[in-house]
Amino acid sequence: MRIVSGSLRGRKLRSLRGMTVRPTADKVREAIFNILSFRVEDAVVLDLFAGTGALGIEALSRGAAFAAFTDKDARSVSVIGQNISDLDIGDRTKIIRWDIAKNLNCIKKIRSDFDLVFMDPPYNCDLIVPTLFNLRESRALKPGACIVAEHSDTEPPPSDCPGYAIADRRKYGKTLVSFLDYMI
């Protein structure tokens, strides 16, 4: 895996061995950022189910001001830390080991002005809607924040979630990416 664009373009990212983490493919990541291009500069980013941290790091490479990375797996948190250290971007990041499915009380203590959120939970585990609920309850989003949810094309897209409106949806092979706007 490599950073697709921006100041860190071409730099390699460490990954985890095995099937526990499914990093966003470079082509999908590039497509997502092409859609978001105007929203990334100076953004305050939250990367949920961060895995290797590729989405948040890509945002930093493209001009985001800050990124927080959250994952419950200790190995993922370690790899994210190594990637951040390798790229020397620690001054613009925070890493949290947390079970997102339970709540997101941890993020309010970091910042309360996230305006770009990436969520890439394990496929077909029904985590998107509960995570959107926990995100709304955290009160850490700016009004109009954009949430990018990556999920399987067999998993129902998030719909009828109070506080969110679906702005766009794109399909890349077996991956569906839903773009939601935070309306509160």
N, C-alpha and C. Protein backbone atom coordinates (compact mmCIF):
# COMPACT_ATOMS: atom_id res chain seq x y z
N MET A 1 0.83 -1.18 0.00
CA MET A 1 0.00 0.00 0.00
C MET A 1 0.87 1.24 0.00
N ARG A 2 0.41 2.21 -0.74
CA ARG A 2 1.12 3.49 -0.85
C ARG A 2 0.12 4.63 -0.71
N ILE A 3 0.65 5.79 -0.34
CA ILE A 3 -0.15 7.01 -0.34
C ILE A 3 -0.34 7.41 -1.80
N VAL A 4 -1.58 7.69 -2.18
CA VAL A 4 -1.93 7.93 -3.58
C VAL A 4 -1.53 9.33 -4.05
N SER A 5 -1.73 10.35 -3.21
CA SER A 5 -1.49 11.71 -3.67
C SER A 5 -1.12 12.62 -2.50
N GLY A 6 -0.73 13.83 -2.83
CA GLY A 6 -0.42 14.82 -1.81
C GLY A 6 1.05 14.85 -1.43
N SER A 7 1.35 15.46 -0.30
CA SER A 7 2.73 15.67 0.13
C SER A 7 3.47 14.37 0.44
N LEU A 8 2.74 13.31 0.75
CA LEU A 8 3.35 12.02 1.07
C LEU A 8 3.20 11.01 -0.07
N ARG A 9 2.84 11.49 -1.23
CA ARG A 9 2.57 10.64 -2.39
C ARG A 9 3.69 9.62 -2.63
N GLY A 10 3.27 8.37 -2.83
CA GLY A 10 4.21 7.30 -3.13
C GLY A 10 4.84 6.64 -1.93
N ARG A 11 4.68 7.22 -0.74
CA ARG A 11 5.28 6.63 0.46
C ARG A 11 4.53 5.36 0.83
N LYS A 12 5.27 4.35 1.25
CA LYS A 12 4.69 3.06 1.61
C LYS A 12 4.07 3.09 3.00
N LEU A 13 3.02 2.31 3.15
CA LEU A 13 2.38 2.12 4.45
C LEU A 13 2.57 0.68 4.90
N ARG A 14 2.80 0.51 6.17
CA ARG A 14 2.86 -0.85 6.73
C ARG A 14 1.44 -1.40 6.79
N SER A 15 1.34 -2.71 6.75
CA SER A 15 0.04 -3.36 6.82
C SER A 15 0.12 -4.52 7.79
N LEU A 16 -1.03 -5.12 8.05
CA LEU A 16 -1.09 -6.30 8.92
C LEU A 16 -1.18 -7.55 8.07
N ARG A 17 -0.54 -8.60 8.52
CA ARG A 17 -0.65 -9.88 7.83
C ARG A 17 -1.97 -10.53 8.20
N GLY A 18 -2.47 -11.34 7.28
CA GLY A 18 -3.69 -12.09 7.55
C GLY A 18 -4.91 -11.38 7.03
N MET A 19 -6.05 -11.90 7.39
CA MET A 19 -7.32 -11.42 6.87
C MET A 19 -8.11 -10.57 7.87
N THR A 20 -7.51 -10.22 9.01
CA THR A 20 -8.25 -9.47 10.00
C THR A 20 -8.49 -8.03 9.59
N VAL A 21 -7.61 -7.47 8.76
CA VAL A 21 -7.75 -6.11 8.30
C VAL A 21 -7.84 -6.13 6.78
N ARG A 22 -8.82 -5.41 6.25
CA ARG A 22 -9.04 -5.32 4.80
C ARG A 22 -8.85 -3.85 4.42
N PRO A 23 -7.60 -3.47 4.07
CA PRO A 23 -7.36 -2.07 3.74
C PRO A 23 -8.14 -1.64 2.49
N THR A 24 -8.53 -0.39 2.47
CA THR A 24 -9.20 0.17 1.29
C THR A 24 -8.22 0.14 0.12
N ALA A 25 -8.67 -0.44 -0.99
CA ALA A 25 -7.82 -0.54 -2.18
C ALA A 25 -7.42 0.85 -2.66
N ASP A 26 -6.22 0.94 -3.23
CA ASP A 26 -5.72 2.24 -3.72
C ASP A 26 -6.69 2.90 -4.68
N LYS A 27 -7.28 2.12 -5.60
CA LYS A 27 -8.21 2.70 -6.59
C LYS A 27 -9.44 3.27 -5.91
N VAL A 28 -9.97 2.57 -4.91
CA VAL A 28 -11.15 3.05 -4.19
C VAL A 28 -10.79 4.29 -3.38
N ARG A 29 -9.63 4.25 -2.73
CA ARG A 29 -9.18 5.41 -1.95
C ARG A 29 -9.02 6.63 -2.85
N GLU A 30 -8.42 6.44 -4.02
CA GLU A 30 -8.25 7.55 -4.95
C GLU A 30 -9.60 8.10 -5.41
N ALA A 31 -10.56 7.21 -5.70
CA ALA A 31 -11.89 7.65 -6.12
C ALA A 31 -12.59 8.43 -5.01
N ILE A 32 -12.50 7.94 -3.78
CA ILE A 32 -13.11 8.64 -2.65
C ILE A 32 -12.54 10.05 -2.53
N PHE A 33 -11.23 10.17 -2.59
CA PHE A 33 -10.60 11.48 -2.42
C PHE A 33 -10.84 12.40 -3.61
N ASN A 34 -11.04 11.84 -4.78
CA ASN A 34 -11.41 12.68 -5.92
C ASN A 34 -12.79 13.30 -5.70
N ILE A 35 -13.70 12.53 -5.12
CA ILE A 35 -15.04 13.03 -4.81
C ILE A 35 -14.97 14.09 -3.70
N LEU A 36 -14.11 13.86 -2.72
CA LEU A 36 -14.01 14.75 -1.55
C LEU A 36 -13.03 15.91 -1.73
N SER A 37 -12.41 16.04 -2.86
CA SER A 37 -11.26 16.92 -3.03
C SER A 37 -11.41 18.29 -2.35
N PHE A 38 -12.55 18.92 -2.48
CA PHE A 38 -12.73 20.26 -1.91
C PHE A 38 -12.96 20.24 -0.40
N ARG A 39 -13.20 19.08 0.19
CA ARG A 39 -13.50 19.00 1.62
C ARG A 39 -12.30 18.61 2.47
N VAL A 40 -11.18 18.26 1.86
CA VAL A 40 -10.06 17.70 2.61
C VAL A 40 -9.13 18.78 3.18
N GLU A 41 -8.86 19.81 2.42
CA GLU A 41 -7.93 20.86 2.85
C GLU A 41 -8.38 21.44 4.20
N ASP A 42 -7.47 21.41 5.18
CA ASP A 42 -7.69 21.93 6.54
C ASP A 42 -8.77 21.17 7.33
N ALA A 43 -9.20 20.02 6.86
CA ALA A 43 -10.24 19.25 7.56
C ALA A 43 -9.71 18.66 8.86
N VAL A 44 -10.63 18.46 9.80
CA VAL A 44 -10.37 17.72 11.03
C VAL A 44 -11.02 16.35 10.82
N VAL A 45 -10.18 15.32 10.73
CA VAL A 45 -10.59 14.00 10.26
C VAL A 45 -10.66 12.99 11.40
N LEU A 46 -11.65 12.13 11.31
CA LEU A 46 -11.79 11.00 12.22
C LEU A 46 -11.82 9.74 11.38
N ASP A 47 -10.88 8.82 11.61
CA ASP A 47 -10.78 7.56 10.87
C ASP A 47 -11.20 6.44 11.82
N LEU A 48 -12.44 5.96 11.66
CA LEU A 48 -12.99 4.91 12.51
C LEU A 48 -12.76 3.54 11.88
N PHE A 49 -12.51 2.53 12.73
CA PHE A 49 -12.13 1.20 12.24
C PHE A 49 -10.91 1.39 11.34
N ALA A 50 -9.93 2.12 11.84
CA ALA A 50 -8.83 2.65 11.03
C ALA A 50 -7.92 1.60 10.41
N GLY A 51 -7.80 0.43 11.00
CA GLY A 51 -6.97 -0.62 10.40
C GLY A 51 -5.51 -0.23 10.32
N THR A 52 -5.07 0.22 9.15
CA THR A 52 -3.68 0.66 8.95
C THR A 52 -3.56 2.18 9.03
N GLY A 53 -4.70 2.86 9.04
CA GLY A 53 -4.71 4.32 9.05
C GLY A 53 -4.63 4.94 7.67
N ALA A 54 -4.78 4.13 6.62
CA ALA A 54 -4.57 4.61 5.25
C ALA A 54 -5.48 5.77 4.88
N LEU A 55 -6.75 5.74 5.27
CA LEU A 55 -7.66 6.82 4.88
C LEU A 55 -7.31 8.13 5.58
N GLY A 56 -7.09 8.08 6.87
CA GLY A 56 -6.72 9.29 7.60
C GLY A 56 -5.37 9.84 7.17
N ILE A 57 -4.42 8.96 6.91
CA ILE A 57 -3.09 9.38 6.47
C ILE A 57 -3.17 10.00 5.07
N GLU A 58 -3.98 9.40 4.21
CA GLU A 58 -4.19 9.98 2.87
C GLU A 58 -4.76 11.39 2.99
N ALA A 59 -5.70 11.58 3.92
CA ALA A 59 -6.28 12.91 4.13
C ALA A 59 -5.21 13.89 4.59
N LEU A 60 -4.35 13.48 5.52
CA LEU A 60 -3.26 14.35 5.97
C LEU A 60 -2.32 14.69 4.83
N SER A 61 -2.02 13.72 3.99
CA SER A 61 -1.15 13.95 2.84
C SER A 61 -1.75 14.99 1.89
N ARG A 62 -3.08 15.04 1.84
CA ARG A 62 -3.78 15.95 0.93
C ARG A 62 -4.17 17.26 1.60
N GLY A 63 -3.65 17.52 2.79
CA GLY A 63 -3.83 18.84 3.39
C GLY A 63 -4.75 18.93 4.59
N ALA A 64 -5.25 17.81 5.10
CA ALA A 64 -6.06 17.86 6.32
C ALA A 64 -5.21 18.40 7.47
N ALA A 65 -5.85 19.11 8.38
CA ALA A 65 -5.13 19.73 9.50
C ALA A 65 -4.81 18.75 10.62
N PHE A 66 -5.70 17.77 10.84
CA PHE A 66 -5.57 16.86 11.97
C PHE A 66 -6.33 15.58 11.66
N ALA A 67 -5.85 14.46 12.20
CA ALA A 67 -6.58 13.19 12.06
C ALA A 67 -6.48 12.38 13.34
N ALA A 68 -7.63 11.87 13.79
CA ALA A 68 -7.69 10.94 14.91
C ALA A 68 -8.02 9.57 14.34
N PHE A 69 -7.33 8.55 14.83
CA PHE A 69 -7.49 7.18 14.36
C PHE A 69 -8.01 6.33 15.50
N THR A 70 -9.07 5.56 15.24
CA THR A 70 -9.66 4.74 16.27
C THR A 70 -9.84 3.32 15.76
N ASP A 71 -9.38 2.35 16.55
CA ASP A 71 -9.56 0.94 16.24
C ASP A 71 -9.50 0.19 17.57
N LYS A 72 -10.18 -0.94 17.65
CA LYS A 72 -10.15 -1.70 18.90
C LYS A 72 -9.05 -2.75 18.93
N ASP A 73 -8.46 -3.07 17.78
CA ASP A 73 -7.44 -4.11 17.68
C ASP A 73 -6.06 -3.54 18.03
N ALA A 74 -5.40 -4.14 18.99
CA ALA A 74 -4.10 -3.65 19.44
C ALA A 74 -3.06 -3.69 18.32
N ARG A 75 -3.12 -4.71 17.47
CA ARG A 75 -2.16 -4.80 16.36
C ARG A 75 -2.39 -3.67 15.36
N SER A 76 -3.65 -3.34 15.10
CA SER A 76 -3.95 -2.23 14.19
C SER A 76 -3.45 -0.91 14.77
N VAL A 77 -3.70 -0.69 16.03
CA VAL A 77 -3.24 0.54 16.69
C VAL A 77 -1.72 0.65 16.60
N SER A 78 -1.02 -0.46 16.76
CA SER A 78 0.43 -0.48 16.66
C SER A 78 0.89 -0.13 15.24
N VAL A 79 0.26 -0.72 14.23
CA VAL A 79 0.63 -0.44 12.83
C VAL A 79 0.35 1.01 12.48
N ILE A 80 -0.78 1.55 12.94
CA ILE A 80 -1.09 2.96 12.69
C ILE A 80 0.02 3.83 13.29
N GLY A 81 0.41 3.52 14.52
CA GLY A 81 1.48 4.27 15.18
C GLY A 81 2.79 4.19 14.41
N GLN A 82 3.12 3.02 13.88
CA GLN A 82 4.34 2.86 13.10
C GLN A 82 4.26 3.67 11.81
N ASN A 83 3.10 3.63 11.13
CA ASN A 83 2.93 4.40 9.90
C ASN A 83 3.07 5.89 10.16
N ILE A 84 2.47 6.36 11.22
CA ILE A 84 2.56 7.78 11.57
C ILE A 84 3.99 8.17 11.89
N SER A 85 4.69 7.31 12.63
CA SER A 85 6.08 7.57 12.96
C SER A 85 6.96 7.57 11.71
N ASP A 86 6.77 6.57 10.85
CA ASP A 86 7.55 6.48 9.61
C ASP A 86 7.39 7.72 8.75
N LEU A 87 6.19 8.30 8.75
CA LEU A 87 5.90 9.45 7.90
C LEU A 87 6.13 10.79 8.61
N ASP A 88 6.48 10.73 9.89
CA ASP A 88 6.78 11.92 10.68
C ASP A 88 5.62 12.92 10.69
N ILE A 89 4.41 12.41 10.99
CA ILE A 89 3.23 13.27 11.04
C ILE A 89 2.53 13.21 12.40
N GLY A 90 3.26 12.77 13.41
CA GLY A 90 2.70 12.60 14.74
C GLY A 90 2.13 13.86 15.36
N ASP A 91 2.63 15.01 14.97
CA ASP A 91 2.17 16.27 15.55
C ASP A 91 0.75 16.64 15.11
N ARG A 92 0.22 15.95 14.10
CA ARG A 92 -1.13 16.24 13.60
C ARG A 92 -2.08 15.06 13.79
N THR A 93 -1.74 14.17 14.74
CA THR A 93 -2.53 12.94 14.89
C THR A 93 -2.77 12.57 16.34
N LYS A 94 -3.75 11.72 16.51
CA LYS A 94 -4.03 11.09 17.80
C LYS A 94 -4.56 9.69 17.50
N ILE A 95 -4.07 8.69 18.22
CA ILE A 95 -4.51 7.31 18.03
C ILE A 95 -5.20 6.85 19.31
N ILE A 96 -6.36 6.21 19.14
CA ILE A 96 -7.13 5.74 20.29
C ILE A 96 -7.51 4.28 20.06
N ARG A 97 -7.23 3.45 21.06
CA ARG A 97 -7.72 2.07 21.03
C ARG A 97 -9.06 2.06 21.75
N TRP A 98 -10.13 1.71 21.00
CA TRP A 98 -11.47 1.83 21.55
C TRP A 98 -12.43 0.92 20.79
N ASP A 99 -13.41 0.39 21.48
CA ASP A 99 -14.45 -0.42 20.84
C ASP A 99 -15.56 0.52 20.38
N ILE A 100 -15.53 0.86 19.12
CA ILE A 100 -16.44 1.84 18.53
C ILE A 100 -17.90 1.38 18.63
N ALA A 101 -18.13 0.07 18.59
CA ALA A 101 -19.49 -0.45 18.63
C ALA A 101 -20.19 -0.13 19.95
N LYS A 102 -19.43 0.05 21.02
CA LYS A 102 -20.03 0.34 22.33
C LYS A 102 -20.45 1.80 22.45
N ASN A 103 -19.53 2.71 22.10
CA ASN A 103 -19.79 4.15 22.11
C ASN A 103 -18.58 4.87 21.53
N LEU A 104 -18.70 6.16 21.42
CA LEU A 104 -17.57 6.97 20.94
C LEU A 104 -17.28 8.11 21.90
N ASN A 105 -17.47 7.85 23.19
CA ASN A 105 -17.22 8.87 24.20
C ASN A 105 -15.78 9.35 24.19
N CYS A 106 -14.89 8.54 23.68
CA CYS A 106 -13.46 8.87 23.68
C CYS A 106 -13.12 10.07 22.78
N ILE A 107 -13.87 10.28 21.72
CA ILE A 107 -13.46 11.31 20.75
C ILE A 107 -13.78 12.73 21.19
N LYS A 108 -14.81 12.90 21.98
CA LYS A 108 -15.19 14.24 22.45
C LYS A 108 -14.07 14.86 23.27
N LYS A 109 -13.28 14.00 23.95
CA LYS A 109 -12.18 14.50 24.76
C LYS A 109 -11.02 15.00 23.90
N ILE A 110 -10.97 14.54 22.65
CA ILE A 110 -9.89 14.94 21.75
C ILE A 110 -10.25 16.25 21.06
N ARG A 111 -11.40 16.22 20.37
CA ARG A 111 -11.88 17.38 19.62
C ARG A 111 -13.39 17.30 19.53
N SER A 112 -14.01 18.42 19.26
CA SER A 112 -15.46 18.42 19.05
C SER A 112 -15.81 19.12 17.75
N ASP A 113 -14.85 19.07 16.80
CA ASP A 113 -15.08 19.78 15.55
C ASP A 113 -14.70 18.94 14.33
N PHE A 114 -14.95 17.63 14.39
CA PHE A 114 -14.64 16.78 13.24
C PHE A 114 -15.58 17.14 12.09
N ASP A 115 -14.99 17.33 10.92
CA ASP A 115 -15.82 17.66 9.76
C ASP A 115 -15.69 16.66 8.61
N LEU A 116 -14.84 15.64 8.79
CA LEU A 116 -14.70 14.58 7.80
C LEU A 116 -14.43 13.27 8.54
N VAL A 117 -15.31 12.29 8.33
CA VAL A 117 -15.21 11.02 9.04
C VAL A 117 -15.16 9.88 8.03
N PHE A 118 -14.18 9.00 8.22
CA PHE A 118 -14.11 7.77 7.43
C PHE A 118 -14.47 6.61 8.33
N MET A 119 -15.34 5.74 7.82
CA MET A 119 -15.71 4.57 8.61
C MET A 119 -15.66 3.37 7.67
N ASP A 120 -14.79 2.43 8.03
CA ASP A 120 -14.59 1.23 7.22
C ASP A 120 -14.63 0.01 8.12
N PRO A 121 -15.84 -0.31 8.65
CA PRO A 121 -15.95 -1.44 9.57
C PRO A 121 -15.82 -2.77 8.84
N PRO A 122 -15.60 -3.85 9.60
CA PRO A 122 -15.61 -5.17 8.97
C PRO A 122 -16.92 -5.36 8.20
N TYR A 123 -16.83 -5.91 7.02
CA TYR A 123 -18.00 -6.10 6.17
C TYR A 123 -19.01 -7.07 6.79
N ASN A 124 -20.28 -6.79 6.53
CA ASN A 124 -21.41 -7.64 6.90
C ASN A 124 -21.49 -7.96 8.39
N CYS A 125 -21.12 -7.00 9.21
CA CYS A 125 -21.22 -7.15 10.67
C CYS A 125 -22.24 -6.20 11.26
N ASP A 126 -23.00 -5.49 10.43
CA ASP A 126 -24.03 -4.55 10.88
C ASP A 126 -23.51 -3.52 11.87
N LEU A 127 -22.39 -2.91 11.54
CA LEU A 127 -21.79 -1.92 12.43
C LEU A 127 -22.01 -0.48 11.98
N ILE A 128 -22.48 -0.27 10.77
CA ILE A 128 -22.58 1.10 10.26
C ILE A 128 -23.63 1.92 11.00
N VAL A 129 -24.84 1.43 11.10
CA VAL A 129 -25.91 2.20 11.76
C VAL A 129 -25.60 2.42 13.25
N PRO A 130 -25.17 1.39 14.01
CA PRO A 130 -24.81 1.67 15.41
C PRO A 130 -23.67 2.68 15.54
N THR A 131 -22.71 2.64 14.61
CA THR A 131 -21.60 3.59 14.67
C THR A 131 -22.09 5.00 14.37
N LEU A 132 -22.98 5.14 13.39
CA LEU A 132 -23.55 6.46 13.10
C LEU A 132 -24.31 6.99 14.33
N PHE A 133 -25.04 6.12 15.00
CA PHE A 133 -25.74 6.53 16.23
C PHE A 133 -24.72 7.00 17.28
N ASN A 134 -23.67 6.20 17.51
CA ASN A 134 -22.65 6.56 18.51
C ASN A 134 -21.93 7.84 18.13
N LEU A 135 -21.71 8.03 16.85
CA LEU A 135 -21.07 9.25 16.37
C LEU A 135 -21.94 10.47 16.66
N ARG A 136 -23.23 10.35 16.38
CA ARG A 136 -24.15 11.46 16.66
C ARG A 136 -24.21 11.73 18.16
N GLU A 137 -24.27 10.69 18.96
CA GLU A 137 -24.34 10.85 20.42
C GLU A 137 -23.07 11.46 21.01
N SER A 138 -21.95 11.31 20.33
CA SER A 138 -20.68 11.86 20.83
C SER A 138 -20.66 13.38 20.80
N ARG A 139 -21.50 13.97 19.96
CA ARG A 139 -21.56 15.43 19.78
C ARG A 139 -20.19 16.02 19.43
N ALA A 140 -19.43 15.27 18.63
CA ALA A 140 -18.10 15.73 18.25
C ALA A 140 -18.02 16.12 16.77
N LEU A 141 -19.17 16.19 16.10
CA LEU A 141 -19.19 16.54 14.69
C LEU A 141 -19.63 17.98 14.49
N LYS A 142 -19.02 18.63 13.52
CA LYS A 142 -19.48 19.96 13.12
C LYS A 142 -20.73 19.79 12.26
N PRO A 143 -21.67 20.72 12.33
CA PRO A 143 -22.81 20.66 11.41
C PRO A 143 -22.32 20.65 9.97
N GLY A 144 -22.90 19.78 9.16
CA GLY A 144 -22.50 19.65 7.76
C GLY A 144 -21.32 18.72 7.54
N ALA A 145 -20.85 18.06 8.61
CA ALA A 145 -19.73 17.13 8.46
C ALA A 145 -20.08 16.05 7.44
N CYS A 146 -19.05 15.55 6.77
CA CYS A 146 -19.22 14.49 5.77
C CYS A 146 -18.74 13.18 6.37
N ILE A 147 -19.57 12.16 6.26
CA ILE A 147 -19.21 10.82 6.74
C ILE A 147 -19.13 9.91 5.52
N VAL A 148 -18.00 9.22 5.37
CA VAL A 148 -17.79 8.30 4.26
C VAL A 148 -17.77 6.90 4.84
N ALA A 149 -18.79 6.11 4.48
CA ALA A 149 -18.92 4.74 5.01
C ALA A 149 -18.67 3.74 3.89
N GLU A 150 -17.66 2.90 4.09
CA GLU A 150 -17.34 1.86 3.12
C GLU A 150 -17.94 0.55 3.64
N HIS A 151 -18.65 -0.15 2.74
CA HIS A 151 -19.27 -1.40 3.15
C HIS A 151 -19.45 -2.32 1.97
N SER A 152 -19.82 -3.56 2.26
CA SER A 152 -20.04 -4.56 1.22
C SER A 152 -21.28 -4.21 0.42
N ASP A 153 -21.29 -4.60 -0.85
CA ASP A 153 -22.49 -4.35 -1.66
C ASP A 153 -23.65 -5.24 -1.24
N THR A 154 -23.40 -6.25 -0.41
CA THR A 154 -24.49 -7.09 0.10
C THR A 154 -25.05 -6.57 1.42
N GLU A 155 -24.36 -5.61 2.02
CA GLU A 155 -24.81 -5.01 3.27
C GLU A 155 -25.69 -3.81 2.94
N PRO A 156 -26.85 -3.72 3.58
CA PRO A 156 -27.72 -2.58 3.26
C PRO A 156 -27.03 -1.26 3.58
N PRO A 157 -27.15 -0.31 2.66
CA PRO A 157 -26.53 1.00 2.94
C PRO A 157 -27.27 1.71 4.07
N PRO A 158 -26.56 2.56 4.76
CA PRO A 158 -27.20 3.28 5.85
C PRO A 158 -28.31 4.19 5.31
N SER A 159 -29.50 3.98 5.78
CA SER A 159 -30.61 4.83 5.35
C SER A 159 -31.50 5.07 6.56
N ASP A 160 -32.22 6.15 6.51
CA ASP A 160 -33.13 6.49 7.60
C ASP A 160 -32.42 6.55 8.95
N CYS A 161 -31.22 7.14 8.97
CA CYS A 161 -30.49 7.35 10.22
C CYS A 161 -30.75 8.78 10.66
N PRO A 162 -31.42 8.98 11.77
CA PRO A 162 -31.70 10.35 12.23
C PRO A 162 -30.42 11.17 12.35
N GLY A 163 -30.46 12.36 11.77
CA GLY A 163 -29.32 13.26 11.83
C GLY A 163 -28.41 13.20 10.61
N TYR A 164 -28.68 12.26 9.71
CA TYR A 164 -27.82 12.09 8.53
C TYR A 164 -28.68 12.05 7.27
N ALA A 165 -28.10 12.53 6.18
CA ALA A 165 -28.75 12.45 4.88
C ALA A 165 -27.74 11.87 3.89
N ILE A 166 -28.17 10.91 3.10
CA ILE A 166 -27.28 10.32 2.11
C ILE A 166 -27.12 11.32 0.96
N ALA A 167 -25.87 11.71 0.70
CA ALA A 167 -25.57 12.67 -0.35
C ALA A 167 -25.16 11.98 -1.65
N ASP A 168 -24.55 10.81 -1.53
CA ASP A 168 -24.06 10.11 -2.72
C ASP A 168 -23.77 8.67 -2.34
N ARG A 169 -23.73 7.83 -3.36
CA ARG A 169 -23.38 6.43 -3.14
C ARG A 169 -22.68 5.95 -4.41
N ARG A 170 -21.55 5.26 -4.25
CA ARG A 170 -20.78 4.77 -5.39
C ARG A 170 -20.43 3.30 -5.17
N LYS A 171 -20.37 2.57 -6.27
CA LYS A 171 -20.02 1.15 -6.20
C LYS A 171 -18.71 0.92 -6.94
N TYR A 172 -17.81 0.18 -6.27
CA TYR A 172 -16.52 -0.19 -6.84
C TYR A 172 -16.36 -1.69 -6.65
N GLY A 173 -16.70 -2.47 -7.67
CA GLY A 173 -16.66 -3.92 -7.53
C GLY A 173 -17.66 -4.36 -6.48
N LYS A 174 -17.18 -5.04 -5.45
CA LYS A 174 -18.05 -5.50 -4.36
C LYS A 174 -18.10 -4.53 -3.19
N THR A 175 -17.48 -3.37 -3.39
CA THR A 175 -17.45 -2.35 -2.34
C THR A 175 -18.43 -1.23 -2.67
N LEU A 176 -19.21 -0.86 -1.67
CA LEU A 176 -20.13 0.26 -1.80
C LEU A 176 -19.63 1.35 -0.86
N VAL A 177 -19.60 2.58 -1.35
CA VAL A 177 -19.18 3.72 -0.53
C VAL A 177 -20.36 4.68 -0.46
N SER A 178 -20.82 4.93 0.76
CA SER A 178 -21.93 5.85 1.00
C SER A 178 -21.38 7.14 1.61
N PHE A 179 -21.80 8.27 1.05
CA PHE A 179 -21.40 9.59 1.55
C PHE A 179 -22.61 10.19 2.24
N LEU A 180 -22.47 10.51 3.52
CA LEU A 180 -23.57 11.07 4.29
C LEU A 180 -23.20 12.45 4.80
N ASP A 181 -24.20 13.31 4.90
CA ASP A 181 -24.01 14.62 5.51
C ASP A 181 -24.67 14.63 6.88
N TYR A 182 -23.95 15.19 7.85
CA TYR A 182 -24.47 15.32 9.21
C TYR A 182 -25.36 16.56 9.24
N MET A 183 -26.61 16.40 9.62
CA MET A 183 -27.61 17.46 9.49
C MET A 183 -27.97 18.17 10.80
N ILE A 184 -27.32 17.85 11.88
CA ILE A 184 -27.71 18.48 13.15
C ILE A 184 -26.77 19.60 13.49
